[in-house]
Amino acid sequence: MKVPILILGYERSGTTLLRRLVSMHPNLEYELIHERFDILLSCKSRKDAYRKLTYPATQAGKKTGSIMSVKAGKKIPYLDSTKAKQSINKFEKLFGKFYIIHIVRNPIDVISSQIKTFNRKIKKCVNNYNESVVKIRKYVKSKGGIEIAFEDLVSNATVKVNKLYRWMGDFDKNDEYIQKVIATRDPWIYDGRIMPGLRYFDSIQNNKSKNILNKKQIAFIGNNIK
């Protein structure tokens, strides 16, 4: 596959899980890179991007043997629409043609995860969500991108990953390959290339986070999310 894939999602929406799944498409040459927003914006050309954004993949500080490269694509979790739009515009300038996948998740689960992980204030989380997600959904659509719901992905992984891979193109494997993708935690070798595995997840089906919000906080989110 010669067209890079840009994965976007509001922070704690499942961008890491989606990046790993996309990186295990059998006809990608590399893993998608993650984060590195500032380096992406500093790139002057496609060649410059390939040089700056190609490096060995690591797990727990150790090299896995796999290579990550913006040639395959990258994922950007965002908290504001400006960062996400800048990433889209930079990809367009560097590569011309590229694919965009925007992952969205129930805002109650997203904000619950942000509070639990980063100890953020609920009001700020709600304001950030409102400021950014609606805008980026529209912008991704205007650029011909697709949207994936996190809940659909984890509840019907075999079907959704199969559909995703066929949308990416050059995919003719059966469900046995998909099952290995969604249930293999550690890196594994396929056709000479090291696949990243889910690594941080026991399996895709068990990746739903526990809601930590109380009824008052849930009501607040429901009343203030656009």
Protein backbone atom coordinates (compact mmCIF):
# COMPACT_ATOMS: atom_id res chain seq x y z
CA MET A 1 0.00 0.00 0.00
CA LYS A 2 1.43 3.36 -1.04
CA VAL A 3 -1.13 5.72 0.52
CA PRO A 4 -0.49 6.75 4.16
CA ILE A 5 -3.31 6.63 6.68
CA LEU A 6 -3.96 9.39 9.21
CA ILE A 7 -5.83 8.27 12.33
CA LEU A 8 -7.48 11.00 14.37
CA GLY A 9 -9.51 10.81 17.55
CA TYR A 10 -10.30 12.86 20.60
CA GLU A 11 -7.94 11.85 23.38
CA ARG A 12 -8.97 8.53 25.05
CA SER A 13 -11.26 7.57 22.16
CA GLY A 14 -9.34 4.47 21.07
CA THR A 15 -6.69 5.88 18.71
CA THR A 16 -3.97 3.56 20.05
CA LEU A 17 -6.08 0.44 19.57
CA LEU A 18 -7.07 1.54 16.06
CA ARG A 19 -3.47 2.34 15.12
CA ARG A 20 -2.38 -1.15 16.12
CA LEU A 21 -5.19 -2.76 14.15
CA VAL A 22 -4.44 -0.69 11.06
CA SER A 23 -0.72 -1.49 11.40
CA MET A 24 -1.51 -5.21 11.20
CA HIS A 25 -2.99 -4.99 7.72
CA PRO A 26 -0.98 -7.67 5.87
CA ASN A 27 -0.02 -5.42 2.96
CA LEU A 28 1.43 -2.52 4.92
CA GLU A 29 5.21 -2.30 4.81
CA TYR A 30 5.55 -0.56 8.19
CA GLU A 31 3.66 0.19 11.39
CA LEU A 32 1.93 3.54 11.62
CA ILE A 33 3.80 5.94 13.86
CA HIS A 34 2.14 7.57 16.86
CA GLU A 35 2.06 11.11 18.23
CA ARG A 36 5.10 13.15 17.02
CA PHE A 37 2.83 16.05 16.13
CA ASP A 38 5.56 18.71 16.37
CA ILE A 39 7.95 16.74 14.16
CA LEU A 40 5.27 16.25 11.53
CA LEU A 41 4.64 19.99 11.32
CA SER A 42 8.37 20.68 10.99
CA CYS A 43 8.74 18.52 7.87
CA LYS A 44 9.55 20.48 4.72
CA SER A 45 8.90 17.75 2.17
CA ARG A 46 7.79 14.15 1.81
CA LYS A 47 11.42 13.02 1.77
CA ASP A 48 12.07 15.04 4.93
CA ALA A 49 9.04 13.40 6.60
CA TYR A 50 10.25 9.91 5.68
CA ARG A 51 13.66 10.70 7.17
CA LYS A 52 12.40 12.26 10.40
CA LEU A 53 9.50 9.91 10.96
CA THR A 54 10.94 6.43 10.37
CA TYR A 55 12.36 4.62 13.38
CA PRO A 56 12.43 1.24 15.20
CA ALA A 57 9.31 0.27 17.12
CA THR A 58 9.80 -0.37 20.84
CA GLN A 59 7.87 -2.05 23.61
CA ALA A 60 8.73 -1.32 27.25
CA GLY A 61 11.88 0.42 26.03
CA LYS A 62 13.09 -2.53 23.94
CA LYS A 63 13.18 -2.72 20.15
CA THR A 64 10.71 -5.24 18.75
CA GLY A 65 12.30 -5.60 15.33
CA SER A 66 9.45 -3.82 13.59
CA ILE A 67 9.82 -0.45 11.87
CA MET A 68 7.43 2.47 12.24
CA SER A 69 7.13 5.02 9.45
CA VAL A 70 4.93 7.85 8.27
CA LYS A 71 5.06 6.03 4.92
CA ALA A 72 2.37 3.82 6.45
CA GLY A 73 0.75 6.71 8.31
CA LYS A 74 0.33 7.99 11.83
CA LYS A 75 -2.17 8.60 14.58
CA ILE A 76 -2.88 11.90 16.31
CA PRO A 77 -5.02 12.12 19.46
CA TYR A 78 -6.27 15.67 19.84
CA LEU A 79 -7.79 17.91 22.51
CA ASP A 80 -8.52 20.86 20.25
CA SER A 81 -9.61 21.13 16.64
CA THR A 82 -6.60 23.23 15.64
CA LYS A 83 -4.12 20.41 16.20
CA ALA A 84 -6.24 17.93 14.27
CA LYS A 85 -6.79 20.29 11.33
CA GLN A 86 -3.09 21.13 11.17
CA SER A 87 -2.31 17.41 10.95
CA ILE A 88 -4.79 16.90 8.11
CA ASN A 89 -3.52 19.93 6.20
CA LYS A 90 0.12 18.89 6.65
CA PHE A 91 -0.60 15.38 5.37
CA GLU A 92 -2.38 16.85 2.37
CA LYS A 93 0.59 19.11 1.62
CA LEU A 94 3.17 16.34 2.03
CA PHE A 95 1.44 13.40 0.40
CA GLY A 96 -1.37 14.73 -1.77
CA LYS A 97 -3.40 11.53 -1.50
CA PHE A 98 -3.95 9.91 1.89
CA TYR A 99 -6.71 8.25 3.91
CA ILE A 100 -8.27 9.67 7.08
CA ILE A 101 -9.95 7.59 9.77
CA HIS A 102 -11.65 9.44 12.63
CA ILE A 103 -12.53 7.32 15.65
CA VAL A 104 -15.29 8.56 17.97
CA ARG A 105 -16.41 7.23 21.34
CA ASN A 106 -19.24 7.80 23.80
CA PRO A 107 -18.34 11.13 25.49
CA ILE A 108 -19.19 9.76 28.95
CA ASP A 109 -16.58 7.01 28.52
CA VAL A 110 -14.06 9.43 27.00
CA ILE A 111 -14.36 11.97 29.80
CA SER A 112 -14.43 9.26 32.47
CA SER A 113 -11.14 7.94 31.09
CA GLN A 114 -9.60 11.43 31.00
CA ILE A 115 -10.53 12.09 34.62
CA LYS A 116 -9.21 8.71 35.71
CA THR A 117 -5.99 8.89 33.68
CA PHE A 118 -5.07 12.57 33.89
CA ASN A 119 -7.16 13.84 36.85
CA ARG A 120 -8.73 16.53 34.68
CA LYS A 121 -11.71 18.69 35.62
CA ILE A 122 -15.00 17.53 34.18
CA LYS A 123 -16.08 21.00 32.99
CA LYS A 124 -12.85 21.49 31.05
CA CYS A 125 -13.20 18.05 29.48
CA VAL A 126 -16.75 18.80 28.35
CA ASN A 127 -15.74 22.20 26.93
CA ASN A 128 -12.78 20.72 25.05
CA TYR A 129 -14.96 17.94 23.64
CA ASN A 130 -17.59 20.39 22.43
CA GLU A 131 -15.00 22.70 20.90
CA SER A 132 -13.25 20.03 18.91
CA VAL A 133 -15.10 16.83 18.07
CA VAL A 134 -18.03 18.29 16.12
CA LYS A 135 -15.66 20.44 14.04
CA ILE A 136 -13.31 17.58 13.24
CA ARG A 137 -16.14 15.21 12.31
CA LYS A 138 -17.25 17.74 9.70
CA TYR A 139 -13.72 18.48 8.52
CA VAL A 140 -12.84 14.80 8.10
CA LYS A 141 -16.03 14.27 6.09
CA SER A 142 -15.17 17.25 3.86
CA LYS A 143 -11.81 15.60 3.13
CA GLY A 144 -13.38 12.27 2.19
CA GLY A 145 -12.41 10.48 5.40
CA ILE A 146 -14.36 7.81 7.25
CA GLU A 147 -15.58 7.59 10.83
CA ILE A 148 -15.45 4.55 13.10
CA ALA A 149 -17.34 4.25 16.38
CA PHE A 150 -15.24 2.71 19.15
CA GLU A 151 -18.26 0.88 20.53
CA ASP A 152 -18.96 -0.79 17.17
CA LEU A 153 -15.32 -1.78 16.89
CA VAL A 154 -15.13 -3.57 20.24
CA SER A 155 -18.58 -5.15 20.08
CA ASN A 156 -18.21 -6.69 16.62
CA ALA A 157 -14.46 -6.76 16.04
CA THR A 158 -14.27 -9.52 13.42
CA VAL A 159 -16.74 -7.85 11.08
CA LYS A 160 -15.48 -4.30 11.65
CA VAL A 161 -11.78 -5.10 11.20
CA ASN A 162 -12.54 -7.12 8.06
CA LYS A 163 -14.53 -4.20 6.66
CA LEU A 164 -11.76 -1.75 7.62
CA TYR A 165 -9.05 -3.83 5.93
CA ARG A 166 -11.08 -4.15 2.74
CA TRP A 167 -11.63 -0.38 2.73
CA MET A 168 -7.85 0.05 3.02
CA GLY A 169 -7.48 -2.24 0.01
CA ASP A 170 -5.41 -5.28 -1.08
CA PHE A 171 -6.96 -7.58 1.51
CA ASP A 172 -7.97 -11.12 0.63
CA LYS A 173 -7.46 -13.01 3.92
CA ASN A 174 -10.11 -14.95 5.82
CA ASP A 175 -11.50 -14.58 9.35
CA GLU A 176 -8.66 -16.72 10.74
CA TYR A 177 -6.25 -13.88 10.00
CA ILE A 178 -8.65 -11.34 11.56
CA GLN A 179 -8.99 -13.47 14.70
CA LYS A 180 -5.23 -13.50 15.10
CA VAL A 181 -5.15 -9.72 14.71
CA ILE A 182 -7.79 -9.03 17.36
CA ALA A 183 -6.60 -11.58 19.92
CA THR A 184 -2.78 -11.54 19.78
CA ARG A 185 -1.24 -9.29 22.38
CA ASP A 186 2.48 -9.71 21.61
CA PRO A 187 4.28 -9.00 18.31
CA TRP A 188 4.11 -11.81 15.74
CA ILE A 189 5.59 -12.50 12.33
CA TYR A 190 3.58 -12.65 9.13
CA ASP A 191 5.21 -13.05 5.72
CA GLY A 192 8.54 -11.85 7.09
CA ARG A 193 7.16 -8.70 8.76
CA ILE A 194 6.73 -8.20 12.50
CA MET A 195 3.14 -7.29 13.36
CA PRO A 196 2.75 -5.08 16.45
CA GLY A 197 0.09 -7.10 18.25
CA LEU A 198 -2.38 -5.39 20.57
CA ARG A 199 0.33 -5.15 23.26
CA TYR A 200 -1.57 -3.04 25.79
CA PHE A 201 -4.81 -5.00 25.43
CA ASP A 202 -5.61 -8.60 26.40
CA SER A 203 -7.99 -8.71 23.45
CA ILE A 204 -10.05 -6.18 21.55
CA GLN A 205 -13.33 -7.45 23.01
CA ASN A 206 -12.23 -6.76 26.59
CA ASN A 207 -11.08 -3.21 26.01
CA LYS A 208 -14.09 -1.32 27.40
CA SER A 209 -13.04 0.97 30.26
CA LYS A 210 -15.06 1.15 33.46
CA ASN A 211 -17.09 4.30 33.92
CA ILE A 212 -16.02 6.13 37.11
CA LEU A 213 -18.48 9.03 36.94
CA ASN A 214 -21.32 9.49 39.38
CA LYS A 215 -24.93 10.19 38.34
CA LYS A 216 -24.55 13.95 38.80
CA GLN A 217 -21.46 14.06 36.57
CA ILE A 218 -23.14 11.91 33.91
CA ALA A 219 -26.14 14.24 33.94
CA PHE A 220 -23.81 17.24 33.61
CA ILE A 221 -22.17 15.74 30.53
CA GLY A 222 -25.51 14.82 29.01
CA ASN A 223 -26.85 18.34 29.49
CA ASN A 224 -23.76 20.07 28.11
CA ILE A 225 -22.51 17.91 25.22
CA LYS A 226 -23.78 19.29 21.93
